[in-house]
C-alpha atoms as a PDB file:
ATOM      1  CA  UNK A   1      -7.969 -52.391  45.056  1.00  0.00           C
ATOM      2  CA  UNK A   2      -9.429 -50.194  42.324  1.00  0.00           C
ATOM      3  CA  UNK A   3      -7.709 -46.797  42.382  1.00  0.00           C
ATOM      4  CA  UNK A   4      -8.793 -43.644  40.568  1.00  0.00           C
ATOM      5  CA  UNK A   5      -5.557 -41.789  39.718  1.00  0.00           C
ATOM      6  CA  UNK A   6      -5.900 -38.196  38.580  1.00  0.00           C
ATOM      7  CA  UNK A   7      -3.076 -36.893  36.396  1.00  0.00           C
ATOM      8  CA  UNK A   8      -1.999 -40.418  35.550  1.00  0.00           C
ATOM      9  CA  UNK A   9      -0.514 -39.397  32.198  1.00  0.00           C
ATOM     10  CA  UNK A  10       1.884 -36.973  33.871  1.00  0.00           C
ATOM     11  CA  UNK A  11       5.339 -37.565  35.278  1.00  0.00           C
ATOM     12  CA  UNK A  12       4.654 -38.782  38.838  1.00  0.00           C
ATOM     13  CA  UNK A  13       1.134 -39.995  38.079  1.00  0.00           C
ATOM     14  CA  UNK A  14       2.303 -42.309  35.315  1.00  0.00           C
ATOM     15  CA  UNK A  15       4.951 -43.798  37.626  1.00  0.00           C
ATOM     16  CA  UNK A  16       2.174 -44.544  40.120  1.00  0.00           C
ATOM     17  CA  UNK A  17       0.002 -46.087  37.410  1.00  0.00           C
ATOM     18  CA  UNK A  18       2.776 -48.338  36.100  1.00  0.00           C
ATOM     19  CA  UNK A  19       3.778 -49.533  39.558  1.00  0.00           C
ATOM     20  CA  UNK A  20       0.216 -50.049  40.798  1.00  0.00           C
ATOM     21  CA  UNK A  21      -0.662 -52.230  37.807  1.00  0.00           C
ATOM     22  CA  UNK A  22       2.399 -54.420  38.384  1.00  0.00           C
ATOM     23  CA  UNK A  23       1.292 -54.870  42.004  1.00  0.00           C
ATOM     24  CA  UNK A  24      -2.147 -56.132  41.073  1.00  0.00           C
ATOM     25  CA  UNK A  25      -4.264 -53.011  41.524  1.00  0.00           C
ATOM     26  CA  UNK A  26      -6.926 -51.952  39.035  1.00  0.00           C
ATOM     27  CA  UNK A  27      -6.372 -48.410  37.760  1.00  0.00           C
ATOM     28  CA  UNK A  28      -8.668 -45.752  36.354  1.00  0.00           C
ATOM     29  CA  UNK A  29      -6.423 -43.052  34.903  1.00  0.00           C
ATOM     30  CA  UNK A  30      -8.232 -39.704  34.742  1.00  0.00           C
ATOM     31  CA  UNK A  31      -6.305 -37.030  32.852  1.00  0.00           C
ATOM     32  CA  UNK A  32      -7.273 -33.925  30.882  1.00  0.00           C
ATOM     33  CA  UNK A  33      -4.211 -34.401  28.620  1.00  0.00           C
ATOM     34  CA  UNK A  34      -2.958 -30.849  28.949  1.00  0.00           C
ATOM     35  CA  UNK A  35       0.464 -29.798  27.647  1.00  0.00           C
ATOM     36  CA  UNK A  36       2.586 -31.821  30.127  1.00  0.00           C
ATOM     37  CA  UNK A  37       0.631 -35.086  29.822  1.00  0.00           C
ATOM     38  CA  UNK A  38       1.635 -37.903  27.505  1.00  0.00           C
ATOM     39  CA  UNK A  39      -0.130 -41.226  27.076  1.00  0.00           C
ATOM     40  CA  UNK A  40       3.153 -42.760  25.943  1.00  0.00           C
ATOM     41  CA  UNK A  41       4.087 -42.581  29.644  1.00  0.00           C
ATOM     42  CA  UNK A  42       1.637 -45.416  30.345  1.00  0.00           C
ATOM     43  CA  UNK A  43       1.974 -47.312  27.066  1.00  0.00           C
ATOM     44  CA  UNK A  44       3.529 -50.285  28.885  1.00  0.00           C
ATOM     45  CA  UNK A  45       0.261 -50.930  30.780  1.00  0.00           C
ATOM     46  CA  UNK A  46      -2.302 -49.492  28.358  1.00  0.00           C
ATOM     47  CA  UNK A  47      -3.470 -52.922  27.162  1.00  0.00           C
ATOM     48  CA  UNK A  48      -3.699 -54.437  30.633  1.00  0.00           C
ATOM     49  CA  UNK A  49      -7.249 -55.600  31.476  1.00  0.00           C
ATOM     50  CA  UNK A  50      -7.153 -53.747  34.799  1.00  0.00           C
ATOM     51  CA  UNK A  51      -6.216 -50.399  33.228  1.00  0.00           C
ATOM     52  CA  UNK A  52      -8.830 -47.878  32.090  1.00  0.00           C
ATOM     53  CA  UNK A  53      -8.355 -44.346  30.777  1.00  0.00           C
ATOM     54  CA  UNK A  54     -10.807 -41.458  31.141  1.00  0.00           C
ATOM     55  CA  UNK A  55     -10.073 -38.121  29.502  1.00  0.00           C
ATOM     56  CA  UNK A  56     -11.663 -35.604  31.838  1.00  0.00           C
ATOM     57  CA  UNK A  57     -10.816 -32.312  33.503  1.00  0.00           C
ATOM     58  CA  UNK A  58     -10.891 -32.043  37.302  1.00  0.00           C
ATOM     59  CA  UNK A  59     -12.476 -28.623  36.835  1.00  0.00           C
ATOM     60  CA  UNK A  60     -15.552 -30.392  35.353  1.00  0.00           C
ATOM     61  CA  UNK A  61     -17.648 -31.657  38.259  1.00  0.00           C
ATOM     62  CA  UNK A  62     -20.241 -33.344  36.051  1.00  0.00           C
ATOM     63  CA  UNK A  63     -17.545 -35.385  34.330  1.00  0.00           C
ATOM     64  CA  UNK A  64     -16.035 -36.365  37.685  1.00  0.00           C
ATOM     65  CA  UNK A  65     -19.369 -37.599  39.019  1.00  0.00           C
ATOM     66  CA  UNK A  66     -19.812 -39.726  35.904  1.00  0.00           C
ATOM     67  CA  UNK A  67     -16.347 -41.291  36.315  1.00  0.00           C
ATOM     68  CA  UNK A  68     -17.009 -42.171  39.962  1.00  0.00           C
ATOM     69  CA  UNK A  69     -20.386 -43.707  39.098  1.00  0.00           C
ATOM     70  CA  UNK A  70     -19.000 -45.674  36.160  1.00  0.00           C
ATOM     71  CA  UNK A  71     -15.910 -47.118  37.845  1.00  0.00           C
ATOM     72  CA  UNK A  72     -16.756 -47.136  41.592  1.00  0.00           C
ATOM     73  CA  UNK A  73     -13.180 -46.893  42.904  1.00  0.00           C
ATOM     74  CA  UNK A  74     -12.020 -48.008  46.338  1.00  0.00           C
ATOM     75  CA  UNK A  75      -9.586 -45.103  46.594  1.00  0.00           C
ATOM     76  CA  UNK A  76      -8.459 -41.882  44.927  1.00  0.00           C
ATOM     77  CA  UNK A  77      -4.880 -40.769  44.358  1.00  0.00           C
ATOM     78  CA  UNK A  78      -5.113 -37.105  43.424  1.00  0.00           C
ATOM     79  CA  UNK A  79      -2.016 -36.001  41.502  1.00  0.00           C
ATOM     80  CA  UNK A  80      -3.529 -33.836  38.755  1.00  0.00           C
ATOM     81  CA  UNK A  81      -2.077 -30.336  39.093  1.00  0.00           C
ATOM     82  CA  UNK A  82      -0.270 -27.543  37.365  1.00  0.00           C
ATOM     83  CA  UNK A  83       3.246 -27.902  38.746  1.00  0.00           C
ATOM     84  CA  UNK A  84       5.827 -25.679  37.031  1.00  0.00           C
ATOM     85  CA  UNK A  85       6.805 -22.704  39.217  1.00  0.00           C
ATOM     86  CA  UNK A  86       7.989 -20.627  36.257  1.00  0.00           C
ATOM     87  CA  UNK A  87       4.660 -21.076  34.468  1.00  0.00           C
ATOM     88  CA  UNK A  88       2.830 -20.061  37.655  1.00  0.00           C
ATOM     89  CA  UNK A  89       4.730 -16.770  37.673  1.00  0.00           C
ATOM     90  CA  UNK A  90       3.652 -15.987  34.108  1.00  0.00           C
ATOM     91  CA  UNK A  91       0.077 -17.294  34.384  1.00  0.00           C
ATOM     92  CA  UNK A  92      -1.171 -17.843  37.945  1.00  0.00           C
ATOM     93  CA  UNK A  93      -4.840 -18.083  36.984  1.00  0.00           C
ATOM     94  CA  UNK A  94      -4.519 -21.601  35.588  1.00  0.00           C
ATOM     95  CA  UNK A  95      -2.901 -22.737  38.848  1.00  0.00           C
ATOM     96  CA  UNK A  96      -5.778 -21.324  40.895  1.00  0.00           C
ATOM     97  CA  UNK A  97      -8.377 -22.988  38.689  1.00  0.00           C
ATOM     98  CA  UNK A  98      -6.731 -26.403  38.504  1.00  0.00           C
ATOM     99  CA  UNK A  99      -4.994 -26.794  41.845  1.00  0.00           C
ATOM    100  CA  UNK A 100      -7.604 -25.155  44.064  1.00  0.00           C
ATOM    101  CA  UNK A 101     -10.949 -25.362  42.256  1.00  0.00           C
ATOM    102  CA  UNK A 102     -10.025 -28.715  40.714  1.00  0.00           C
ATOM    103  CA  UNK A 103      -9.165 -30.172  44.116  1.00  0.00           C
ATOM    104  CA  UNK A 104     -12.433 -28.817  45.531  1.00  0.00           C
ATOM    105  CA  UNK A 105     -14.329 -30.565  42.727  1.00  0.00           C
ATOM    106  CA  UNK A 106     -12.458 -33.814  43.391  1.00  0.00           C
ATOM    107  CA  UNK A 107     -13.238 -33.637  47.097  1.00  0.00           C
ATOM    108  CA  UNK A 108     -16.912 -32.966  46.504  1.00  0.00           C
ATOM    109  CA  UNK A 109     -17.222 -35.702  43.880  1.00  0.00           C
ATOM    110  CA  UNK A 110     -15.425 -38.150  46.173  1.00  0.00           C
ATOM    111  CA  UNK A 111     -17.549 -37.157  49.166  1.00  0.00           C
ATOM    112  CA  UNK A 112     -20.810 -37.554  47.243  1.00  0.00           C
ATOM    113  CA  UNK A 113     -19.712 -40.967  45.979  1.00  0.00           C
ATOM    114  CA  UNK A 114     -18.476 -42.043  49.444  1.00  0.00           C
ATOM    115  CA  UNK A 115     -21.754 -41.042  51.054  1.00  0.00           C
ATOM    116  CA  UNK A 116     -23.832 -42.982  48.509  1.00  0.00           C
ATOM    117  CA  UNK A 117     -21.828 -46.070  49.542  1.00  0.00           C
ATOM    118  CA  UNK A 118     -22.684 -45.533  53.243  1.00  0.00           C
ATOM    119  CA  UNK A 119     -19.347 -43.865  54.079  1.00  0.00           C
ATOM    120  CA  UNK A 120     -17.068 -46.934  54.157  1.00  0.00           C
ATOM    121  CA  UNK A 121     -14.064 -46.644  56.487  1.00  0.00           C
ATOM    122  CA  UNK A 122     -11.911 -48.401  53.886  1.00  0.00           C
ATOM    123  CA  UNK A 123     -12.262 -45.622  51.308  1.00  0.00           C
ATOM    124  CA  UNK A 124      -9.267 -43.321  50.923  1.00  0.00           C
ATOM    125  CA  UNK A 125      -8.686 -39.949  49.287  1.00  0.00           C
ATOM    126  CA  UNK A 126      -4.912 -39.536  48.943  1.00  0.00           C
ATOM    127  CA  UNK A 127      -3.854 -35.991  48.135  1.00  0.00           C
ATOM    128  CA  UNK A 128      -0.320 -35.686  46.732  1.00  0.00           C
ATOM    129  CA  UNK A 129       1.370 -32.336  47.370  1.00  0.00           C
ATOM    130  CA  UNK A 130       4.806 -30.730  47.533  1.00  0.00           C
ATOM    131  CA  UNK A 131       7.364 -29.570  50.098  1.00  0.00           C
ATOM    132  CA  UNK A 132       7.239 -26.136  48.463  1.00  0.00           C
ATOM    133  CA  UNK A 133       4.168 -25.305  50.580  1.00  0.00           C
ATOM    134  CA  UNK A 134       6.559 -24.949  53.548  1.00  0.00           C
ATOM    135  CA  UNK A 135       8.539 -22.124  51.956  1.00  0.00           C
ATOM    136  CA  UNK A 136      12.315 -21.776  52.066  1.00  0.00           C
ATOM    137  CA  UNK A 137      14.889 -23.143  54.503  1.00  0.00           C
ATOM    138  CA  UNK A 138      18.193 -21.479  55.424  1.00  0.00           C
ATOM    139  CA  UNK A 139      21.407 -23.232  54.400  1.00  0.00           C
ATOM    140  CA  UNK A 140      21.595 -24.831  57.836  1.00  0.00           C
ATOM    141  CA  UNK A 141      21.647 -28.577  57.258  1.00  0.00           C
ATOM    142  CA  UNK A 142      20.234 -29.191  60.738  1.00  0.00           C
ATOM    143  CA  UNK A 143      16.889 -27.696  59.643  1.00  0.00           C
ATOM    144  CA  UNK A 144      14.489 -29.759  57.540  1.00  0.00           C
ATOM    145  CA  UNK A 145      10.776 -29.755  56.780  1.00  0.00           C
ATOM    146  CA  UNK A 146       8.537 -32.030  58.831  1.00  0.00           C
ATOM    147  CA  UNK A 147       4.801 -32.652  58.793  1.00  0.00           C
ATOM    148  CA  UNK A 148       4.491 -29.951  61.489  1.00  0.00           C
ATOM    149  CA  UNK A 149       6.386 -27.210  59.654  1.00  0.00           C
ATOM    150  CA  UNK A 150       4.204 -24.083  59.293  1.00  0.00           C
ATOM    151  CA  UNK A 151       3.059 -23.315  55.775  1.00  0.00           C
ATOM    152  CA  UNK A 152       4.852 -20.417  54.080  1.00  0.00           C
ATOM    153  CA  UNK A 153       4.340 -20.648  50.281  1.00  0.00           C
ATOM    154  CA  UNK A 154       6.248 -18.113  48.202  1.00  0.00           C
ATOM    155  CA  UNK A 155       5.124 -18.655  44.599  1.00  0.00           C
ATOM    156  CA  UNK A 156       1.711 -18.857  42.913  1.00  0.00           C
ATOM    157  CA  UNK A 157       2.324 -22.579  42.414  1.00  0.00           C
ATOM    158  CA  UNK A 158       3.163 -23.348  46.044  1.00  0.00           C
ATOM    159  CA  UNK A 159       0.350 -21.091  47.292  1.00  0.00           C
ATOM    160  CA  UNK A 160      -2.159 -22.976  45.152  1.00  0.00           C
ATOM    161  CA  UNK A 161      -0.880 -26.328  46.448  1.00  0.00           C
ATOM    162  CA  UNK A 162      -0.985 -25.064  50.040  1.00  0.00           C
ATOM    163  CA  UNK A 163      -4.603 -24.049  49.479  1.00  0.00           C
ATOM    164  CA  UNK A 164      -5.462 -27.492  48.156  1.00  0.00           C
ATOM    165  CA  UNK A 165      -3.812 -29.130  51.191  1.00  0.00           C
ATOM    166  CA  UNK A 166      -5.971 -27.023  53.500  1.00  0.00           C
ATOM    167  CA  UNK A 167      -9.117 -28.004  51.605  1.00  0.00           C
ATOM    168  CA  UNK A 168      -8.305 -31.699  51.952  1.00  0.00           C
ATOM    169  CA  UNK A 169      -7.752 -31.369  55.704  1.00  0.00           C
ATOM    170  CA  UNK A 170     -10.982 -29.386  56.045  1.00  0.00           C
ATOM    171  CA  UNK A 171     -12.993 -32.064  54.228  1.00  0.00           C
ATOM    172  CA  UNK A 172     -11.594 -34.634  56.653  1.00  0.00           C
ATOM    173  CA  UNK A 173     -12.339 -32.600  59.758  1.00  0.00           C
ATOM    174  CA  UNK A 174     -15.733 -31.277  58.638  1.00  0.00           C
ATOM    175  CA  UNK A 175     -17.208 -34.184  56.697  1.00  0.00           C
ATOM    176  CA  UNK A 176     -15.168 -37.128  57.945  1.00  0.00           C
ATOM    177  CA  UNK A 177     -13.842 -37.992  54.495  1.00  0.00           C
ATOM    178  CA  UNK A 178     -10.997 -40.509  55.019  1.00  0.00           C
ATOM    179  CA  UNK A 179      -7.982 -38.687  53.627  1.00  0.00           C
ATOM    180  CA  UNK A 180      -4.211 -39.051  53.692  1.00  0.00           C
ATOM    181  CA  UNK A 181      -1.767 -36.383  52.514  1.00  0.00           C
ATOM    182  CA  UNK A 182       1.819 -36.445  51.330  1.00  0.00           C
ATOM    183  CA  UNK A 183       4.331 -33.685  50.652  1.00  0.00           C
ATOM    184  CA  UNK A 184       7.299 -34.705  48.538  1.00  0.00           C
ATOM    185  CA  UNK A 185      10.684 -33.289  47.628  1.00  0.00           C
ATOM    186  CA  UNK A 186      11.856 -32.684  44.034  1.00  0.00           C
ATOM    187  CA  UNK A 187      11.281 -35.700  41.798  1.00  0.00           C
ATOM    188  CA  UNK A 188      13.405 -36.825  38.860  1.00  0.00           C
ATOM    189  CA  UNK A 189      13.649 -39.862  36.597  1.00  0.00           C
ATOM    190  CA  UNK A 190      12.217 -41.342  33.389  1.00  0.00           C
ATOM    191  CA  UNK A 191       9.370 -39.563  31.577  1.00  0.00           C
ATOM    192  CA  UNK A 192      10.137 -36.190  33.212  1.00  0.00           C
ATOM    193  CA  UNK A 193       8.598 -33.498  31.012  1.00  0.00           C
ATOM    194  CA  UNK A 194      11.382 -31.510  29.278  1.00  0.00           C
ATOM    195  CA  UNK A 195      10.782 -28.158  30.971  1.00  0.00           C
ATOM    196  CA  UNK A 196      12.191 -29.106  34.397  1.00  0.00           C
ATOM    197  CA  UNK A 197      15.831 -28.707  35.422  1.00  0.00           C
ATOM    198  CA  UNK A 198      17.239 -32.224  34.940  1.00  0.00           C
ATOM    199  CA  UNK A 199      15.763 -32.942  31.494  1.00  0.00           C
ATOM    200  CA  UNK A 200      16.588 -29.383  30.385  1.00  0.00           C
ATOM    201  CA  UNK A 201      20.236 -29.931  31.299  1.00  0.00           C
ATOM    202  CA  UNK A 202      20.437 -33.340  29.622  1.00  0.00           C
ATOM    203  CA  UNK A 203      18.753 -32.253  26.396  1.00  0.00           C
ATOM    204  CA  UNK A 204      20.531 -28.891  26.141  1.00  0.00           C
ATOM    205  CA  UNK A 205      23.855 -30.631  26.691  1.00  0.00           C
ATOM    206  CA  UNK A 206      23.179 -33.077  23.871  1.00  0.00           C
ATOM    207  CA  UNK A 207      22.102 -30.215  21.595  1.00  0.00           C
ATOM    208  CA  UNK A 208      25.228 -28.148  22.320  1.00  0.00           C
ATOM    209  CA  UNK A 209      23.161 -25.400  23.959  1.00  0.00           C
ATOM    210  CA  UNK A 210      23.927 -23.433  27.152  1.00  0.00           C
ATOM    211  CA  UNK A 211      23.100 -25.202  30.420  1.00  0.00           C
ATOM    212  CA  UNK A 212      21.157 -22.511  32.313  1.00  0.00           C
ATOM    213  CA  UNK A 213      21.499 -22.286  36.090  1.00  0.00           C
ATOM    214  CA  UNK A 214      19.496 -19.684  38.011  1.00  0.00           C
ATOM    215  CA  UNK A 215      21.491 -17.176  40.051  1.00  0.00           C
ATOM    216  CA  UNK A 216      24.774 -18.580  41.331  1.00  0.00           C
ATOM    217  CA  UNK A 217      23.532 -22.192  41.494  1.00  0.00           C
ATOM    218  CA  UNK A 218      23.604 -22.329  45.299  1.00  0.00           C
ATOM    219  CA  UNK A 219      19.889 -23.187  45.721  1.00  0.00           C
ATOM    220  CA  UNK A 220      19.598 -26.614  47.362  1.00  0.00           C
ATOM    221  CA  UNK A 221      17.029 -29.317  46.641  1.00  0.00           C
ATOM    222  CA  UNK A 222      16.348 -32.766  48.104  1.00  0.00           C
ATOM    223  CA  UNK A 223      16.111 -35.144  45.123  1.00  0.00           C
ATOM    224  CA  UNK A 224      13.732 -38.130  45.067  1.00  0.00           C
ATOM    225  CA  UNK A 225      13.760 -40.760  42.318  1.00  0.00           C
ATOM    226  CA  UNK A 226      10.241 -40.897  40.888  1.00  0.00           C
ATOM    227  CA  UNK A 227       9.864 -44.674  41.160  1.00  0.00           C
ATOM    228  CA  UNK A 228      10.818 -44.513  44.839  1.00  0.00           C
ATOM    229  CA  UNK A 229       8.170 -41.820  45.240  1.00  0.00           C
ATOM    230  CA  UNK A 230       5.522 -44.001  43.568  1.00  0.00           C
ATOM    231  CA  UNK A 231       6.399 -46.805  45.980  1.00  0.00           C
ATOM    232  CA  UNK A 232       6.010 -44.442  48.947  1.00  0.00           C
ATOM    233  CA  UNK A 233       2.669 -43.141  47.681  1.00  0.00           C
ATOM    234  CA  UNK A 234       1.215 -46.633  47.392  1.00  0.00           C
ATOM    235  CA  UNK A 235       2.501 -47.460  50.876  1.00  0.00           C
ATOM    236  CA  UNK A 236       0.744 -44.402  52.306  1.00  0.00           C
ATOM    237  CA  UNK A 237      -2.471 -45.250  50.473  1.00  0.00           C
ATOM    238  CA  UNK A 238      -2.482 -48.837  51.694  1.00  0.00           C
ATOM    239  CA  UNK A 239      -1.448 -48.433  55.344  1.00  0.00           C
ATOM    240  CA  UNK A 240      -1.336 -44.712  56.178  1.00  0.00           C
ATOM    241  CA  UNK A 241      -3.601 -43.511  58.984  1.00  0.00           C
ATOM    242  CA  UNK A 242      -6.676 -41.472  57.949  1.00  0.00           C
ATOM    243  CA  UNK A 243      -6.158 -37.768  58.546  1.00  0.00           C
ATOM    244  CA  UNK A 244      -2.395 -38.241  58.714  1.00  0.00           C
ATOM    245  CA  UNK A 245       0.185 -36.489  56.532  1.00  0.00           C
ATOM    246  CA  UNK A 246       3.561 -37.884  55.519  1.00  0.00           C
ATOM    247  CA  UNK A 247       6.634 -36.021  54.256  1.00  0.00           C
ATOM    248  CA  UNK A 248       8.501 -37.970  51.562  1.00  0.00           C
ATOM    249  CA  UNK A 249      12.119 -37.075  50.847  1.00  0.00           C
ATOM    250  CA  UNK A 250      14.983 -38.607  48.950  1.00  0.00           C
ATOM    251  CA  UNK A 251      17.624 -37.775  51.587  1.00  0.00           C
ATOM    252  CA  UNK A 252      19.757 -36.461  48.700  1.00  0.00           C
ATOM    253  CA  UNK A 253      20.492 -32.754  49.160  1.00  0.00           C
ATOM    254  CA  UNK A 254      22.611 -30.995  46.551  1.00  0.00           C
ATOM    255  CA  UNK A 255      22.894 -27.486  45.155  1.00  0.00           C
ATOM    256  CA  UNK A 256      21.689 -26.903  41.622  1.00  0.00           C
ATOM    257  CA  UNK A 257      25.267 -26.314  40.502  1.00  0.00           C
ATOM    258  CA  UNK A 258      26.436 -29.594  42.038  1.00  0.00           C
ATOM    259  CA  UNK A 259      23.538 -31.415  40.385  1.00  0.00           C
ATOM    260  CA  UNK A 260      24.350 -29.999  36.942  1.00  0.00           C
ATOM    261  CA  UNK A 261      28.014 -30.872  37.363  1.00  0.00           C
ATOM    262  CA  UNK A 262      27.032 -34.465  38.234  1.00  0.00           C
ATOM    263  CA  UNK A 263      24.888 -34.680  35.096  1.00  0.00           C
ATOM    264  CA  UNK A 264      27.718 -33.324  32.968  1.00  0.00           C
ATOM    265  CA  UNK A 265      30.122 -35.901  34.363  1.00  0.00           C
ATOM    266  CA  UNK A 266      27.689 -38.730  33.555  1.00  0.00           C
ATOM    267  CA  UNK A 267      27.187 -37.414  30.024  1.00  0.00           C
ATOM    268  CA  UNK A 268      30.952 -37.046  29.560  1.00  0.00           C
ATOM    269  CA  UNK A 269      31.191 -40.758  30.237  1.00  0.00           C
ATOM    270  CA  UNK A 270      28.141 -41.995  28.349  1.00  0.00           C
ATOM    271  CA  UNK A 271      28.110 -39.638  25.339  1.00  0.00           C
ATOM    272  CA  UNK A 272      31.525 -37.872  25.265  1.00  0.00           C
ATOM    273  CA  UNK A 273      31.931 -34.716  23.210  1.00  0.00           C
ATOM    274  CA  UNK A 274      34.553 -34.533  20.512  1.00  0.00           C
ATOM    275  CA  UNK A 275      36.365 -31.922  22.565  1.00  0.00           C
ATOM    276  CA  UNK A 276      36.075 -30.863  26.207  1.00  0.00           C
ATOM    277  CA  UNK A 277      33.373 -31.414  28.827  1.00  0.00           C
ATOM    278  CA  UNK A 278      29.669 -30.642  28.859  1.00  0.00           C
ATOM    279  CA  UNK A 279      30.374 -28.578  31.986  1.00  0.00           C
ATOM    280  CA  UNK A 280      31.860 -25.941  29.691  1.00  0.00           C
ATOM    281  CA  UNK A 281      28.299 -25.218  28.511  1.00  0.00           C
ATOM    282  CA  UNK A 282      27.154 -24.118  32.007  1.00  0.00           C
ATOM    283  CA  UNK A 283      25.774 -20.581  31.971  1.00  0.00           C
ATOM    284  CA  UNK A 284      24.458 -18.647  34.971  1.00  0.00           C
ATOM    285  CA  UNK A 285      21.262 -16.724  34.196  1.00  0.00           C
ATOM    286  CA  UNK A 286      19.090 -14.188  35.988  1.00  0.00           C
ATOM    287  CA  UNK A 287      17.525 -15.803  39.042  1.00  0.00           C
ATOM    288  CA  UNK A 288      13.852 -16.763  39.284  1.00  0.00           C
ATOM    289  CA  UNK A 289      11.727 -14.184  41.179  1.00  0.00           C
ATOM    290  CA  UNK A 290      11.290 -15.308  44.797  1.00  0.00           C
ATOM    291  CA  UNK A 291      13.531 -18.334  44.297  1.00  0.00           C
ATOM    292  CA  UNK A 292      13.464 -20.488  47.463  1.00  0.00           C
ATOM    293  CA  UNK A 293      16.963 -21.072  48.850  1.00  0.00           C
ATOM    294  CA  UNK A 294      16.642 -24.628  50.098  1.00  0.00           C
ATOM    295  CA  UNK A 295      14.204 -27.522  50.450  1.00  0.00           C
ATOM    296  CA  UNK A 296      14.922 -30.561  52.610  1.00  0.00           C
ATOM    297  CA  UNK A 297      12.618 -33.142  54.142  1.00  0.00           C
ATOM    298  CA  UNK A 298      12.929 -35.052  57.403  1.00  0.00           C
ATOM    299  CA  UNK A 299      11.304 -38.421  56.515  1.00  0.00           C
ATOM    300  CA  UNK A 300      11.299 -39.770  60.081  1.00  0.00           C
ATOM    301  CA  UNK A 301       7.521 -40.259  60.259  1.00  0.00           C
ATOM    302  CA  UNK A 302       7.110 -42.305  57.087  1.00  0.00           C
ATOM    303  CA  UNK A 303      10.181 -44.353  57.958  1.00  0.00           C
ATOM    304  CA  UNK A 304       9.076 -45.031  61.545  1.00  0.00           C
ATOM    305  CA  UNK A 305       5.341 -45.543  60.966  1.00  0.00           C
ATOM    306  CA  UNK A 306       5.241 -47.128  57.506  1.00  0.00           C
ATOM    307  CA  UNK A 307       8.730 -48.606  57.166  1.00  0.00           C
ATOM    308  CA  UNK A 308       9.530 -46.748  53.944  1.00  0.00           C
ATOM    309  CA  UNK A 309      12.778 -45.171  52.824  1.00  0.00           C
ATOM    310  CA  UNK A 310      14.253 -44.431  49.376  1.00  0.00           C
ATOM    311  CA  UNK A 311      16.097 -47.252  47.647  1.00  0.00           C
ATOM    312  CA  UNK A 312      17.928 -45.270  44.936  1.00  0.00           C
ATOM    313  CA  UNK A 313      20.863 -42.960  45.659  1.00  0.00           C
ATOM    314  CA  UNK A 314      21.176 -39.745  43.685  1.00  0.00           C
ATOM    315  CA  UNK A 315      24.234 -41.052  41.821  1.00  0.00           C
ATOM    316  CA  UNK A 316      22.359 -44.217  40.819  1.00  0.00           C
ATOM    317  CA  UNK A 317      19.200 -42.340  39.915  1.00  0.00           C
ATOM    318  CA  UNK A 318      20.944 -39.732  37.782  1.00  0.00           C
ATOM    319  CA  UNK A 319      22.853 -42.419  35.899  1.00  0.00           C
ATOM    320  CA  UNK A 320      19.605 -44.286  35.209  1.00  0.00           C
ATOM    321  CA  UNK A 321      17.858 -41.058  34.204  1.00  0.00           C
ATOM    322  CA  UNK A 322      20.556 -39.940  31.770  1.00  0.00           C
ATOM    323  CA  UNK A 323      20.597 -43.393  30.192  1.00  0.00           C
ATOM    324  CA  UNK A 324      16.811 -43.330  29.824  1.00  0.00           C
ATOM    325  CA  UNK A 325      16.929 -40.012  27.920  1.00  0.00           C
ATOM    326  CA  UNK A 326      19.719 -41.313  25.703  1.00  0.00           C
ATOM    327  CA  UNK A 327      17.624 -44.397  24.915  1.00  0.00           C
ATOM    328  CA  UNK A 328      14.292 -42.600  24.399  1.00  0.00           C
ATOM    329  CA  UNK A 329      14.935 -39.783  21.966  1.00  0.00           C
ATOM    330  CA  UNK A 330      11.671 -40.453  20.128  1.00  0.00           C
ATOM    331  CA  UNK A 331       9.728 -39.762  23.342  1.00  0.00           C
ATOM    332  CA  UNK A 332      11.334 -36.422  24.205  1.00  0.00           C
ATOM    333  CA  UNK A 333      11.614 -35.084  20.669  1.00  0.00           C
ATOM    334  CA  UNK A 334       7.846 -35.417  20.271  1.00  0.00           C
ATOM    335  CA  UNK A 335       7.359 -33.116  23.280  1.00  0.00           C
ATOM    336  CA  UNK A 336       9.788 -30.371  22.360  1.00  0.00           C
ATOM    337  CA  UNK A 337       7.304 -28.549  20.132  1.00  0.00           C
ATOM    338  CA  UNK A 338       4.743 -28.136  22.917  1.00  0.00           C
ATOM    339  CA  UNK A 339       3.979 -24.648  24.234  1.00  0.00           C
ATOM    340  CA  UNK A 340       6.749 -23.114  26.314  1.00  0.00           C
ATOM    341  CA  UNK A 341       9.224 -25.995  26.032  1.00  0.00           C
ATOM    342  CA  UNK A 342      12.759 -24.738  25.431  1.00  0.00           C
ATOM    343  CA  UNK A 343      11.905 -21.148  26.388  1.00  0.00           C
ATOM    344  CA  UNK A 344      12.790 -19.219  29.531  1.00  0.00           C
ATOM    345  CA  UNK A 345       9.605 -18.767  31.547  1.00  0.00           C
ATOM    346  CA  UNK A 346       8.884 -17.084  34.861  1.00  0.00           C
ATOM    347  CA  UNK A 347      10.693 -13.807  34.300  1.00  0.00           C
ATOM    348  CA  UNK A 348       7.688 -11.504  34.581  1.00  0.00           C
ATOM    349  CA  UNK A 349       7.988 -11.205  38.358  1.00  0.00           C
END
């Protein structure tokens, strides 16, 4: 299968690209190479004969049409998006343009291409989204997000992703475009851009800086190892039912404070300080505006219908992630000078 992957130089997109190539798919990686993208993420497959890179912006419809015509993909995996909640608080306009208008352009380019090929049933447009579109859960472990949870986005980021989800469903219902949708929990793992919580904690710890935790650290997230997520996404693309959505979770719920303490314990073992524990660097900071209390996904549908479940526990995944950052200092140091990295964002709310 030839797959057009948007955002394939980003964190999750590059994991999809690497895994898809190893499984025999041909990949066209379309990425605008904005601040969070890095072609080093796909260096391991860059010379593969079935890998092709196109630098293009999903806000540029003319460029998208040219890519479809040139490569004639069998499927689209649409991951390109602005994704950092704190950045969306400071600058929501970029999120509207990329996540909403960009998705509209992708849908229209895909539909035009699909129709020129006589609307094949085998074509797929896979839209990758987030559990944040469902809003915030109470700290009642019996409640989890499902595919039928009403949408209740609470940040500019999640609102823009919710909007894009609705567009994808509308293009399926109105035009018959064969789509599948997925909403995932928080990802972590290798190549995670150093503005998100886990890499921030690892890199600040190594640098002797404070380890910032919003509020009192009680906010709960369901953590999904990025390579497990890539596996799930390919499974949905290959055998998911058109028009169907699938919630993908790691079944690993922990508070932010618990997560940071786990990271500190791993670092204490792998790179011990001369004196004391990394946990002594923990510092509670002013909470994010509108900070959702808890996310958790019920993955019953994808497990029952597609036979998928995560293979990596949180303890295993965090150990692998910490080791990867210790082994790849050249990669993360090159990104630390990019705009906004290392600064507190999202305080203007």
